[in-house]
Amino acid sequence: MQSQNPIISDLVKLANSAAGTFAGMTREARESARDRMKEAMGGMDFVSREEFDAVKEMAAKAREENENLSERLAALEGKKAK
């Protein structure tokens, strides 16, 4: 049963408009915060996962090569000492 009172009808319209406006403001605030965060993070030097993994692999190979060269050097020094 609908009310015939125009004041109540106007209050319902006002409440619906306020809810829509509030939802729009919330959405706009969220997007604005997301944009600010992107700008702040964009200035930092982050690397992608692929770049990190590639550098990690290069470091492991360099470490292994360093150990091999250290062993060779120790063997050569051992021969020289004899």
N, C-alpha and C. Protein backbone atom coordinates (compact mmCIF):
# COMPACT_ATOMS: atom_id res chain seq x y z
N MET A 1 0.84 -1.17 0.00
CA MET A 1 0.00 0.00 0.00
C MET A 1 0.89 1.24 0.00
N GLN A 2 0.76 2.08 -1.02
CA GLN A 2 1.58 3.26 -1.12
C GLN A 2 0.92 4.42 -0.38
N SER A 3 1.80 5.26 0.11
CA SER A 3 1.32 6.42 0.83
C SER A 3 0.97 7.53 -0.17
N GLN A 4 -0.09 8.22 0.11
CA GLN A 4 -0.51 9.33 -0.75
C GLN A 4 0.08 10.66 -0.25
N ASN A 5 0.82 10.59 0.84
CA ASN A 5 1.38 11.80 1.43
C ASN A 5 2.58 12.26 0.57
N PRO A 6 2.52 13.47 0.00
CA PRO A 6 3.61 13.95 -0.84
C PRO A 6 4.90 14.22 -0.06
N ILE A 7 4.80 14.50 1.22
CA ILE A 7 5.98 14.75 2.04
C ILE A 7 6.79 13.46 2.17
N ILE A 8 6.12 12.36 2.44
CA ILE A 8 6.81 11.08 2.57
C ILE A 8 7.41 10.68 1.22
N SER A 9 6.68 10.90 0.15
CA SER A 9 7.18 10.60 -1.18
C SER A 9 8.43 11.41 -1.50
N ASP A 10 8.42 12.68 -1.13
CA ASP A 10 9.58 13.54 -1.34
C ASP A 10 10.77 13.07 -0.49
N LEU A 11 10.50 12.66 0.74
CA LEU A 11 11.57 12.17 1.61
C LEU A 11 12.20 10.89 1.05
N VAL A 12 11.37 10.01 0.48
CA VAL A 12 11.88 8.77 -0.12
C VAL A 12 12.75 9.11 -1.32
N LYS A 13 12.30 10.04 -2.16
CA LYS A 13 13.10 10.46 -3.32
C LYS A 13 14.43 11.07 -2.87
N LEU A 14 14.38 11.88 -1.82
CA LEU A 14 15.58 12.50 -1.29
C LEU A 14 16.54 11.45 -0.75
N ALA A 15 16.02 10.45 -0.05
CA ALA A 15 16.87 9.39 0.49
C ALA A 15 17.51 8.58 -0.64
N ASN A 16 16.74 8.29 -1.69
CA ASN A 16 17.29 7.55 -2.83
C ASN A 16 18.38 8.36 -3.53
N SER A 17 18.15 9.65 -3.69
CA SER A 17 19.15 10.51 -4.32
C SER A 17 20.42 10.58 -3.47
N ALA A 18 20.24 10.69 -2.17
CA ALA A 18 21.39 10.76 -1.27
C ALA A 18 22.18 9.46 -1.32
N ALA A 19 21.50 8.33 -1.38
CA ALA A 19 22.20 7.04 -1.46
C ALA A 19 22.99 6.94 -2.75
N GLY A 20 22.40 7.37 -3.86
CA GLY A 20 23.11 7.35 -5.14
C GLY A 20 24.31 8.27 -5.13
N THR A 21 24.15 9.45 -4.55
CA THR A 21 25.25 10.40 -4.45
C THR A 21 26.36 9.84 -3.58
N PHE A 22 26.00 9.23 -2.48
CA PHE A 22 27.01 8.65 -1.57
C PHE A 22 27.76 7.53 -2.26
N ALA A 23 27.06 6.70 -3.02
CA ALA A 23 27.72 5.61 -3.74
C ALA A 23 28.69 6.18 -4.77
N GLY A 24 28.30 7.23 -5.46
CA GLY A 24 29.19 7.87 -6.44
C GLY A 24 30.41 8.48 -5.78
N MET A 25 30.21 9.12 -4.63
CA MET A 25 31.33 9.71 -3.91
C MET A 25 32.30 8.63 -3.44
N THR A 26 31.76 7.51 -2.98
CA THR A 26 32.60 6.40 -2.53
C THR A 26 33.44 5.86 -3.68
N ARG A 27 32.79 5.66 -4.82
CA ARG A 27 33.49 5.16 -6.00
C ARG A 27 34.59 6.13 -6.44
N GLU A 28 34.27 7.42 -6.45
CA GLU A 28 35.24 8.43 -6.86
C GLU A 28 36.42 8.49 -5.88
N ALA A 29 36.15 8.39 -4.58
CA ALA A 29 37.21 8.41 -3.58
C ALA A 29 38.13 7.20 -3.74
N ARG A 30 37.54 6.04 -4.02
CA ARG A 30 38.33 4.82 -4.20
C ARG A 30 39.24 4.95 -5.42
N GLU A 31 38.70 5.45 -6.53
CA GLU A 31 39.49 5.62 -7.75
C GLU A 31 40.59 6.65 -7.55
N SER A 32 40.27 7.72 -6.83
CA SER A 32 41.27 8.75 -6.56
C SER A 32 42.41 8.19 -5.70
N ALA A 33 42.06 7.43 -4.69
CA ALA A 33 43.09 6.82 -3.84
C ALA A 33 43.94 5.85 -4.64
N ARG A 34 43.31 5.08 -5.52
CA ARG A 34 44.06 4.13 -6.36
C ARG A 34 45.03 4.88 -7.28
N ASP A 35 44.58 5.98 -7.86
CA ASP A 35 45.44 6.77 -8.75
C ASP A 35 46.62 7.37 -7.98
N ARG A 36 46.35 7.89 -6.77
CA ARG A 36 47.44 8.45 -5.96
C ARG A 36 48.46 7.37 -5.59
N MET A 37 47.98 6.17 -5.29
CA MET A 37 48.87 5.08 -4.93
C MET A 37 49.73 4.68 -6.13
N LYS A 38 49.12 4.63 -7.32
CA LYS A 38 49.88 4.31 -8.53
C LYS A 38 50.97 5.35 -8.77
N GLU A 39 50.64 6.62 -8.58
CA GLU A 39 51.63 7.69 -8.77
C GLU A 39 52.77 7.55 -7.77
N ALA A 40 52.44 7.27 -6.51
CA ALA A 40 53.46 7.14 -5.47
C ALA A 40 54.35 5.92 -5.74
N MET A 41 53.74 4.81 -6.13
CA MET A 41 54.51 3.59 -6.38
C MET A 41 55.27 3.67 -7.69
N GLY A 42 54.78 4.46 -8.63
CA GLY A 42 55.43 4.57 -9.93
C GLY A 42 56.81 5.21 -9.83
N GLY A 43 57.02 6.06 -8.86
CA GLY A 43 58.31 6.72 -8.69
C GLY A 43 59.36 5.82 -8.07
N MET A 44 58.95 4.71 -7.52
CA MET A 44 59.89 3.79 -6.88
C MET A 44 60.42 2.81 -7.91
N ASP A 45 61.60 2.31 -7.66
CA ASP A 45 62.24 1.38 -8.59
C ASP A 45 61.94 -0.06 -8.20
N PHE A 46 60.80 -0.55 -8.62
CA PHE A 46 60.45 -1.94 -8.40
C PHE A 46 60.80 -2.73 -9.65
N VAL A 47 61.14 -3.99 -9.45
CA VAL A 47 61.44 -4.86 -10.59
C VAL A 47 60.36 -5.91 -10.71
N SER A 48 60.22 -6.42 -11.93
CA SER A 48 59.24 -7.48 -12.13
C SER A 48 59.78 -8.79 -11.60
N ARG A 49 58.92 -9.76 -11.43
CA ARG A 49 59.32 -11.07 -10.93
C ARG A 49 60.30 -11.73 -11.89
N GLU A 50 60.07 -11.56 -13.19
CA GLU A 50 60.95 -12.16 -14.20
C GLU A 50 62.36 -11.58 -14.09
N GLU A 51 62.46 -10.25 -13.93
CA GLU A 51 63.77 -9.62 -13.79
C GLU A 51 64.47 -10.11 -12.53
N PHE A 52 63.73 -10.22 -11.44
CA PHE A 52 64.31 -10.69 -10.19
C PHE A 52 64.84 -12.11 -10.33
N ASP A 53 64.04 -12.99 -10.94
CA ASP A 53 64.47 -14.37 -11.12
C ASP A 53 65.70 -14.46 -12.02
N ALA A 54 65.77 -13.63 -13.07
CA ALA A 54 66.92 -13.64 -13.97
C ALA A 54 68.18 -13.21 -13.23
N VAL A 55 68.10 -12.17 -12.43
CA VAL A 55 69.27 -11.70 -11.68
C VAL A 55 69.67 -12.72 -10.62
N LYS A 56 68.69 -13.36 -10.00
CA LYS A 56 68.97 -14.39 -8.99
C LYS A 56 69.74 -15.55 -9.63
N GLU A 57 69.31 -15.94 -10.84
CA GLU A 57 69.99 -17.03 -11.55
C GLU A 57 71.41 -16.62 -11.94
N MET A 58 71.57 -15.38 -12.38
CA MET A 58 72.92 -14.89 -12.74
C MET A 58 73.83 -14.89 -11.52
N ALA A 59 73.31 -14.49 -10.36
CA ALA A 59 74.10 -14.47 -9.14
C ALA A 59 74.51 -15.89 -8.73
N ALA A 60 73.61 -16.84 -8.88
CA ALA A 60 73.93 -18.24 -8.54
C ALA A 60 75.02 -18.77 -9.45
N LYS A 61 74.95 -18.46 -10.75
CA LYS A 61 75.99 -18.90 -11.69
C LYS A 61 77.32 -18.25 -11.37
N ALA A 62 77.31 -16.97 -11.05
CA ALA A 62 78.54 -16.26 -10.70
C ALA A 62 79.15 -16.85 -9.43
N ARG A 63 78.31 -17.18 -8.46
CA ARG A 63 78.80 -17.78 -7.22
C ARG A 63 79.45 -19.13 -7.50
N GLU A 64 78.80 -19.92 -8.34
CA GLU A 64 79.33 -21.25 -8.68
C GLU A 64 80.66 -21.11 -9.43
N GLU A 65 80.73 -20.17 -10.37
CA GLU A 65 81.97 -19.96 -11.11
C GLU A 65 83.08 -19.48 -10.19
N ASN A 66 82.74 -18.63 -9.24
CA ASN A 66 83.72 -18.15 -8.27
C ASN A 66 84.27 -19.30 -7.44
N GLU A 67 83.41 -20.21 -7.01
CA GLU A 67 83.86 -21.36 -6.24
C GLU A 67 84.79 -22.25 -7.08
N ASN A 68 84.42 -22.48 -8.36
CA ASN A 68 85.25 -23.29 -9.25
C ASN A 68 86.63 -22.66 -9.45
N LEU A 69 86.64 -21.34 -9.66
CA LEU A 69 87.92 -20.64 -9.84
C LEU A 69 88.76 -20.68 -8.56
N SER A 70 88.11 -20.59 -7.41
CA SER A 70 88.83 -20.67 -6.14
C SER A 70 89.48 -22.04 -5.98
N GLU A 71 88.76 -23.09 -6.35
CA GLU A 71 89.32 -24.44 -6.27
C GLU A 71 90.49 -24.61 -7.24
N ARG A 72 90.34 -24.07 -8.45
CA ARG A 72 91.44 -24.14 -9.43
C ARG A 72 92.66 -23.41 -8.94
N LEU A 73 92.44 -22.22 -8.36
CA LEU A 73 93.55 -21.43 -7.84
C LEU A 73 94.24 -22.17 -6.71
N ALA A 74 93.46 -22.78 -5.82
CA ALA A 74 94.06 -23.53 -4.71
C ALA A 74 94.86 -24.71 -5.25
N ALA A 75 94.36 -25.38 -6.29
CA ALA A 75 95.08 -26.51 -6.88
C ALA A 75 96.38 -26.02 -7.53
N LEU A 76 96.34 -24.90 -8.23
CA LEU A 76 97.54 -24.37 -8.86
C LEU A 76 98.56 -23.93 -7.83
N GLU A 77 98.10 -23.31 -6.77
CA GLU A 77 99.01 -22.91 -5.71
C GLU A 77 99.61 -24.11 -5.02
N GLY A 78 98.84 -25.19 -4.89
CA GLY A 78 99.34 -26.43 -4.28
C GLY A 78 100.43 -27.04 -5.14
N LYS A 79 100.26 -27.03 -6.46
CA LYS A 79 101.28 -27.56 -7.37
C LYS A 79 102.55 -26.71 -7.30
N LYS A 80 102.38 -25.40 -7.20
CA LYS A 80 103.52 -24.48 -7.16
C LYS A 80 104.31 -24.67 -5.87
N ALA A 81 103.63 -24.93 -4.78
CA ALA A 81 104.29 -25.11 -3.49
C ALA A 81 105.15 -26.37 -3.46
N LYS A 82 104.79 -27.38 -4.22
CA LYS A 82 105.54 -28.63 -4.25
C LYS A 82 106.79 -28.41 -5.01
